[in-house]
Amino acid sequence: MSTLTQNSMTNHHAPGLLYQIGETLHIWHERYRTRRELTNWTARDLHDVGLSWTDIAHEADKPFWRA
């Protein structure tokens, strides 16, 4: 007779893993969205925050998974 119960065989790491995957997907989406938004800034906007078009092009060219 087995001493294992149904509850002891449950994967208790799955909820944490699913949460981490969801958080990663959210971060990636935000990076993609904000990098696309930067490409719409005006020269005045860039000047106000001290960025150049080169800075924006460099940031916008990064893949979404790279910070």
PDB file of N, CA and C in Angstrom:
ATOM      1  N   MET A   1       0.842  -1.175   0.000  1.00  0.00           N
ATOM      2  CA  MET A   1       0.000   0.000   0.000  1.00  0.00           C
ATOM      3  C   MET A   1       0.888   1.240   0.000  1.00  0.00           C
ATOM      4  N   SER A   2       0.569   2.211  -0.814  1.00  0.00           N
ATOM      5  CA  SER A   2       1.359   3.432  -0.934  1.00  0.00           C
ATOM      6  C   SER A   2       1.042   4.395   0.207  1.00  0.00           C
ATOM      7  N   THR A   3       2.083   5.077   0.668  1.00  0.00           N
ATOM      8  CA  THR A   3       1.880   6.069   1.723  1.00  0.00           C
ATOM      9  C   THR A   3       1.736   7.473   1.158  1.00  0.00           C
ATOM     10  N   LEU A   4       1.849   7.602  -0.164  1.00  0.00           N
ATOM     11  CA  LEU A   4       1.706   8.920  -0.801  1.00  0.00           C
ATOM     12  C   LEU A   4       0.238   9.258  -0.965  1.00  0.00           C
ATOM     13  N   THR A   5      -0.095  10.479  -0.734  1.00  0.00           N
ATOM     14  CA  THR A   5      -1.467  10.931  -0.950  1.00  0.00           C
ATOM     15  C   THR A   5      -1.519  11.780  -2.202  1.00  0.00           C
ATOM     16  N   GLN A   6      -2.694  12.056  -2.660  1.00  0.00           N
ATOM     17  CA  GLN A   6      -2.865  12.885  -3.861  1.00  0.00           C
ATOM     18  C   GLN A   6      -2.217  14.252  -3.675  1.00  0.00           C
ATOM     19  N   ASN A   7      -2.368  14.877  -2.508  1.00  0.00           N
ATOM     20  CA  ASN A   7      -1.813  16.201  -2.259  1.00  0.00           C
ATOM     21  C   ASN A   7      -0.293  16.208  -2.258  1.00  0.00           C
ATOM     22  N   SER A   8       0.341  15.156  -1.822  1.00  0.00           N
ATOM     23  CA  SER A   8       1.800  15.148  -1.756  1.00  0.00           C
ATOM     24  C   SER A   8       2.421  15.032  -3.138  1.00  0.00           C
ATOM     25  N   MET A   9       1.660  14.643  -4.135  1.00  0.00           N
ATOM     26  CA  MET A   9       2.183  14.503  -5.486  1.00  0.00           C
ATOM     27  C   MET A   9       1.924  15.746  -6.338  1.00  0.00           C
ATOM     28  N   THR A  10       1.288  16.740  -5.763  1.00  0.00           N
ATOM     29  CA  THR A  10       0.996  17.969  -6.496  1.00  0.00           C
ATOM     30  C   THR A  10       2.268  18.773  -6.683  1.00  0.00           C
ATOM     31  N   ASN A  11       2.436  19.344  -7.855  1.00  0.00           N
ATOM     32  CA  ASN A  11       3.593  20.192  -8.126  1.00  0.00           C
ATOM     33  C   ASN A  11       3.350  21.568  -7.517  1.00  0.00           C
ATOM     34  N   HIS A  12       3.978  21.834  -6.410  1.00  0.00           N
ATOM     35  CA  HIS A  12       3.765  23.098  -5.706  1.00  0.00           C
ATOM     36  C   HIS A  12       4.544  24.254  -6.331  1.00  0.00           C
ATOM     37  N   HIS A  13       5.405  23.975  -7.283  1.00  0.00           N
ATOM     38  CA  HIS A  13       6.194  25.024  -7.932  1.00  0.00           C
ATOM     39  C   HIS A  13       5.478  25.634  -9.133  1.00  0.00           C
ATOM     40  N   ALA A  14       4.479  24.979  -9.649  1.00  0.00           N
ATOM     41  CA  ALA A  14       3.799  25.438 -10.860  1.00  0.00           C
ATOM     42  C   ALA A  14       3.204  26.837 -10.718  1.00  0.00           C
ATOM     43  N   PRO A  15       2.490  27.176  -9.640  1.00  0.00           N
ATOM     44  CA  PRO A  15       1.928  28.533  -9.554  1.00  0.00           C
ATOM     45  C   PRO A  15       3.017  29.614  -9.587  1.00  0.00           C
ATOM     46  N   GLY A  16       4.120  29.382  -8.920  1.00  0.00           N
ATOM     47  CA  GLY A  16       5.221  30.345  -8.931  1.00  0.00           C
ATOM     48  C   GLY A  16       5.851  30.469 -10.305  1.00  0.00           C
ATOM     49  N   LEU A  17       5.998  29.352 -10.966  1.00  0.00           N
ATOM     50  CA  LEU A  17       6.577  29.349 -12.303  1.00  0.00           C
ATOM     51  C   LEU A  17       5.661  30.073 -13.285  1.00  0.00           C
ATOM     52  N   LEU A  18       4.370  29.800 -13.205  1.00  0.00           N
ATOM     53  CA  LEU A  18       3.419  30.478 -14.087  1.00  0.00           C
ATOM     54  C   LEU A  18       3.407  31.981 -13.835  1.00  0.00           C
ATOM     55  N   TYR A  19       3.515  32.374 -12.571  1.00  0.00           N
ATOM     56  CA  TYR A  19       3.575  33.790 -12.228  1.00  0.00           C
ATOM     57  C   TYR A  19       4.818  34.431 -12.838  1.00  0.00           C
ATOM     58  N   GLN A  20       5.967  33.772 -12.727  1.00  0.00           N
ATOM     59  CA  GLN A  20       7.210  34.302 -13.283  1.00  0.00           C
ATOM     60  C   GLN A  20       7.133  34.430 -14.800  1.00  0.00           C
ATOM     61  N   ILE A  21       6.540  33.454 -15.442  1.00  0.00           N
ATOM     62  CA  ILE A  21       6.377  33.521 -16.900  1.00  0.00           C
ATOM     63  C   ILE A  21       5.488  34.699 -17.272  1.00  0.00           C
ATOM     64  N   GLY A  22       4.397  34.863 -16.550  1.00  0.00           N
ATOM     65  CA  GLY A  22       3.501  35.996 -16.796  1.00  0.00           C
ATOM     66  C   GLY A  22       4.200  37.328 -16.596  1.00  0.00           C
ATOM     67  N   GLU A  23       4.989  37.439 -15.532  1.00  0.00           N
ATOM     68  CA  GLU A  23       5.739  38.675 -15.273  1.00  0.00           C
ATOM     69  C   GLU A  23       6.748  38.948 -16.378  1.00  0.00           C
ATOM     70  N   THR A  24       7.431  37.925 -16.832  1.00  0.00           N
ATOM     71  CA  THR A  24       8.411  38.092 -17.912  1.00  0.00           C
ATOM     72  C   THR A  24       7.728  38.558 -19.188  1.00  0.00           C
ATOM     73  N   LEU A  25       6.605  37.954 -19.527  1.00  0.00           N
ATOM     74  CA  LEU A  25       5.866  38.366 -20.722  1.00  0.00           C
ATOM     75  C   LEU A  25       5.393  39.810 -20.602  1.00  0.00           C
ATOM     76  N   HIS A  26       4.964  40.197 -19.412  1.00  0.00           N
ATOM     77  CA  HIS A  26       4.528  41.578 -19.186  1.00  0.00           C
ATOM     78  C   HIS A  26       5.700  42.557 -19.375  1.00  0.00           C
ATOM     79  N   ILE A  27       6.838  42.238 -18.824  1.00  0.00           N
ATOM     80  CA  ILE A  27       8.026  43.095 -18.962  1.00  0.00           C
ATOM     81  C   ILE A  27       8.419  43.213 -20.429  1.00  0.00           C
ATOM     82  N   TRP A  28       8.428  42.090 -21.138  1.00  0.00           N
ATOM     83  CA  TRP A  28       8.781  42.121 -22.555  1.00  0.00           C
ATOM     84  C   TRP A  28       7.816  42.992 -23.344  1.00  0.00           C
ATOM     85  N   HIS A  29       6.531  42.888 -23.051  1.00  0.00           N
ATOM     86  CA  HIS A  29       5.540  43.709 -23.753  1.00  0.00           C
ATOM     87  C   HIS A  29       5.758  45.193 -23.455  1.00  0.00           C
ATOM     88  N   GLU A  30       6.026  45.519 -22.209  1.00  0.00           N
ATOM     89  CA  GLU A  30       6.270  46.919 -21.845  1.00  0.00           C
ATOM     90  C   GLU A  30       7.511  47.462 -22.542  1.00  0.00           C
ATOM     91  N   ARG A  31       8.567  46.675 -22.625  1.00  0.00           N
ATOM     92  CA  ARG A  31       9.776  47.113 -23.342  1.00  0.00           C
ATOM     93  C   ARG A  31       9.458  47.394 -24.800  1.00  0.00           C
ATOM     94  N   TYR A  32       8.741  46.468 -25.424  1.00  0.00           N
ATOM     95  CA  TYR A  32       8.373  46.646 -26.832  1.00  0.00           C
ATOM     96  C   TYR A  32       7.553  47.923 -27.006  1.00  0.00           C
ATOM     97  N   ARG A  33       6.539  48.097 -26.157  1.00  0.00           N
ATOM     98  CA  ARG A  33       5.644  49.248 -26.266  1.00  0.00           C
ATOM     99  C   ARG A  33       6.387  50.566 -26.038  1.00  0.00           C
ATOM    100  N   THR A  34       7.192  50.646 -25.005  1.00  0.00           N
ATOM    101  CA  THR A  34       7.875  51.907 -24.703  1.00  0.00           C
ATOM    102  C   THR A  34       8.945  52.230 -25.734  1.00  0.00           C
ATOM    103  N   ARG A  35       9.601  51.217 -26.273  1.00  0.00           N
ATOM    104  CA  ARG A  35      10.605  51.484 -27.316  1.00  0.00           C
ATOM    105  C   ARG A  35       9.940  51.998 -28.585  1.00  0.00           C
ATOM    106  N   ARG A  36       8.777  51.473 -28.917  1.00  0.00           N
ATOM    107  CA  ARG A  36       8.043  51.985 -30.087  1.00  0.00           C
ATOM    108  C   ARG A  36       7.557  53.406 -29.821  1.00  0.00           C
ATOM    109  N   GLU A  37       7.133  53.672 -28.592  1.00  0.00           N
ATOM    110  CA  GLU A  37       6.667  55.011 -28.232  1.00  0.00           C
ATOM    111  C   GLU A  37       7.792  56.038 -28.344  1.00  0.00           C
ATOM    112  N   LEU A  38       8.992  55.660 -27.968  1.00  0.00           N
ATOM    113  CA  LEU A  38      10.138  56.578 -28.061  1.00  0.00           C
ATOM    114  C   LEU A  38      10.365  57.066 -29.489  1.00  0.00           C
ATOM    115  N   THR A  39      10.087  56.212 -30.457  1.00  0.00           N
ATOM    116  CA  THR A  39      10.321  56.599 -31.855  1.00  0.00           C
ATOM    117  C   THR A  39       9.373  57.707 -32.312  1.00  0.00           C
ATOM    118  N   ASN A  40       8.319  57.978 -31.536  1.00  0.00           N
ATOM    119  CA  ASN A  40       7.359  59.029 -31.878  1.00  0.00           C
ATOM    120  C   ASN A  40       7.619  60.344 -31.160  1.00  0.00           C
ATOM    121  N   TRP A  41       8.643  60.391 -30.333  1.00  0.00           N
ATOM    122  CA  TRP A  41       8.952  61.619 -29.610  1.00  0.00           C
ATOM    123  C   TRP A  41       9.453  62.695 -30.567  1.00  0.00           C
ATOM    124  N   THR A  42       9.195  63.923 -30.211  1.00  0.00           N
ATOM    125  CA  THR A  42       9.668  65.054 -31.009  1.00  0.00           C
ATOM    126  C   THR A  42      11.082  65.422 -30.576  1.00  0.00           C
ATOM    127  N   ALA A  43      11.721  66.260 -31.388  1.00  0.00           N
ATOM    128  CA  ALA A  43      13.059  66.744 -31.044  1.00  0.00           C
ATOM    129  C   ALA A  43      13.031  67.483 -29.706  1.00  0.00           C
ATOM    130  N   ARG A  44      11.949  68.198 -29.455  1.00  0.00           N
ATOM    131  CA  ARG A  44      11.810  68.931 -28.191  1.00  0.00           C
ATOM    132  C   ARG A  44      11.742  67.961 -27.004  1.00  0.00           C
ATOM    133  N   ASP A  45      10.959  66.899 -27.162  1.00  0.00           N
ATOM    134  CA  ASP A  45      10.865  65.874 -26.109  1.00  0.00           C
ATOM    135  C   ASP A  45      12.245  65.293 -25.800  1.00  0.00           C
ATOM    136  N   LEU A  46      12.972  64.952 -26.850  1.00  0.00           N
ATOM    137  CA  LEU A  46      14.302  64.368 -26.672  1.00  0.00           C
ATOM    138  C   LEU A  46      15.240  65.349 -25.978  1.00  0.00           C
ATOM    139  N   HIS A  47      15.189  66.601 -26.384  1.00  0.00           N
ATOM    140  CA  HIS A  47      16.027  67.630 -25.774  1.00  0.00           C
ATOM    141  C   HIS A  47      15.706  67.774 -24.281  1.00  0.00           C
ATOM    142  N   ASP A  48      14.423  67.729 -23.956  1.00  0.00           N
ATOM    143  CA  ASP A  48      13.999  67.892 -22.561  1.00  0.00           C
ATOM    144  C   ASP A  48      14.563  66.804 -21.650  1.00  0.00           C
ATOM    145  N   VAL A  49      14.717  65.601 -22.159  1.00  0.00           N
ATOM    146  CA  VAL A  49      15.235  64.510 -21.335  1.00  0.00           C
ATOM    147  C   VAL A  49      16.706  64.201 -21.612  1.00  0.00           C
ATOM    148  N   GLY A  50      17.308  64.960 -22.517  1.00  0.00           N
ATOM    149  CA  GLY A  50      18.735  64.813 -22.784  1.00  0.00           C
ATOM    150  C   GLY A  50      19.103  63.617 -23.642  1.00  0.00           C
ATOM    151  N   LEU A  51      18.225  63.248 -24.563  1.00  0.00           N
ATOM    152  CA  LEU A  51      18.501  62.139 -25.471  1.00  0.00           C
ATOM    153  C   LEU A  51      18.645  62.648 -26.899  1.00  0.00           C
ATOM    154  N   SER A  52      19.317  61.860 -27.716  1.00  0.00           N
ATOM    155  CA  SER A  52      19.462  62.203 -29.128  1.00  0.00           C
ATOM    156  C   SER A  52      18.717  61.162 -29.966  1.00  0.00           C
ATOM    157  N   TRP A  53      18.589  61.450 -31.259  1.00  0.00           N
ATOM    158  CA  TRP A  53      17.957  60.481 -32.153  1.00  0.00           C
ATOM    159  C   TRP A  53      18.788  59.203 -32.208  1.00  0.00           C
ATOM    160  N   THR A  54      20.095  59.333 -32.072  1.00  0.00           N
ATOM    161  CA  THR A  54      20.970  58.156 -32.056  1.00  0.00           C
ATOM    162  C   THR A  54      20.665  57.283 -30.847  1.00  0.00           C
ATOM    163  N   ASP A  55      20.467  57.924 -29.692  1.00  0.00           N
ATOM    164  CA  ASP A  55      20.103  57.174 -28.483  1.00  0.00           C
ATOM    165  C   ASP A  55      18.805  56.411 -28.697  1.00  0.00           C
ATOM    166  N   ILE A  56      17.840  57.082 -29.291  1.00  0.00           N
ATOM    167  CA  ILE A  56      16.526  56.470 -29.519  1.00  0.00           C
ATOM    168  C   ILE A  56      16.652  55.313 -30.512  1.00  0.00           C
ATOM    169  N   ALA A  57      17.399  55.503 -31.571  1.00  0.00           N
ATOM    170  CA  ALA A  57      17.572  54.441 -32.565  1.00  0.00           C
ATOM    171  C   ALA A  57      18.246  53.226 -31.934  1.00  0.00           C
ATOM    172  N   HIS A  58      19.249  53.472 -31.104  1.00  0.00           N
ATOM    173  CA  HIS A  58      19.938  52.371 -30.429  1.00  0.00           C
ATOM    174  C   HIS A  58      18.976  51.604 -29.528  1.00  0.00           C
ATOM    175  N   GLU A  59      18.166  52.320 -28.767  1.00  0.00           N
ATOM    176  CA  GLU A  59      17.217  51.679 -27.850  1.00  0.00           C
ATOM    177  C   GLU A  59      16.114  50.960 -28.626  1.00  0.00           C
ATOM    178  N   ALA A  60      15.593  51.584 -29.659  1.00  0.00           N
ATOM    179  CA  ALA A  60      14.489  50.995 -30.431  1.00  0.00           C
ATOM    180  C   ALA A  60      14.925  49.750 -31.200  1.00  0.00           C
ATOM    181  N   ASP A  61      16.201  49.652 -31.524  1.00  0.00           N
ATOM    182  CA  ASP A  61      16.698  48.496 -32.271  1.00  0.00           C
ATOM    183  C   ASP A  61      16.938  47.267 -31.398  1.00  0.00           C
ATOM    184  N   LYS A  62      16.906  47.433 -30.089  1.00  0.00           N
ATOM    185  CA  LYS A  62      17.116  46.289 -29.203  1.00  0.00           C
ATOM    186  C   LYS A  62      15.926  45.343 -29.281  1.00  0.00           C
ATOM    187  N   PRO A  63      16.178  44.048 -29.193  1.00  0.00           N
ATOM    188  CA  PRO A  63      15.063  43.101 -29.114  1.00  0.00           C
ATOM    189  C   PRO A  63      14.358  43.244 -27.770  1.00  0.00           C
ATOM    190  N   PHE A  64      13.091  42.897 -27.712  1.00  0.00           N
ATOM    191  CA  PHE A  64      12.289  43.101 -26.505  1.00  0.00           C
ATOM    192  C   PHE A  64      12.826  42.349 -25.291  1.00  0.00           C
ATOM    193  N   TRP A  65      13.560  41.275 -25.504  1.00  0.00           N
ATOM    194  CA  TRP A  65      14.041  40.505 -24.353  1.00  0.00           C
ATOM    195  C   TRP A  65      15.313  41.089 -23.744  1.00  0.00           C
ATOM    196  N   ARG A  66      15.930  42.062 -24.407  1.00  0.00           N
ATOM    197  CA  ARG A  66      17.162  42.649 -23.887  1.00  0.00           C
ATOM    198  C   ARG A  66      16.835  43.929 -23.126  1.00  0.00           C
ATOM    199  N   ALA A  67      17.354  44.013 -21.909  1.00  0.00           N
ATOM    200  CA  ALA A  67      17.131  45.205 -21.079  1.00  0.00           C
ATOM    201  C   ALA A  67      17.981  46.360 -21.549  1.00  0.00           C
TER     202      ALA A  67
END
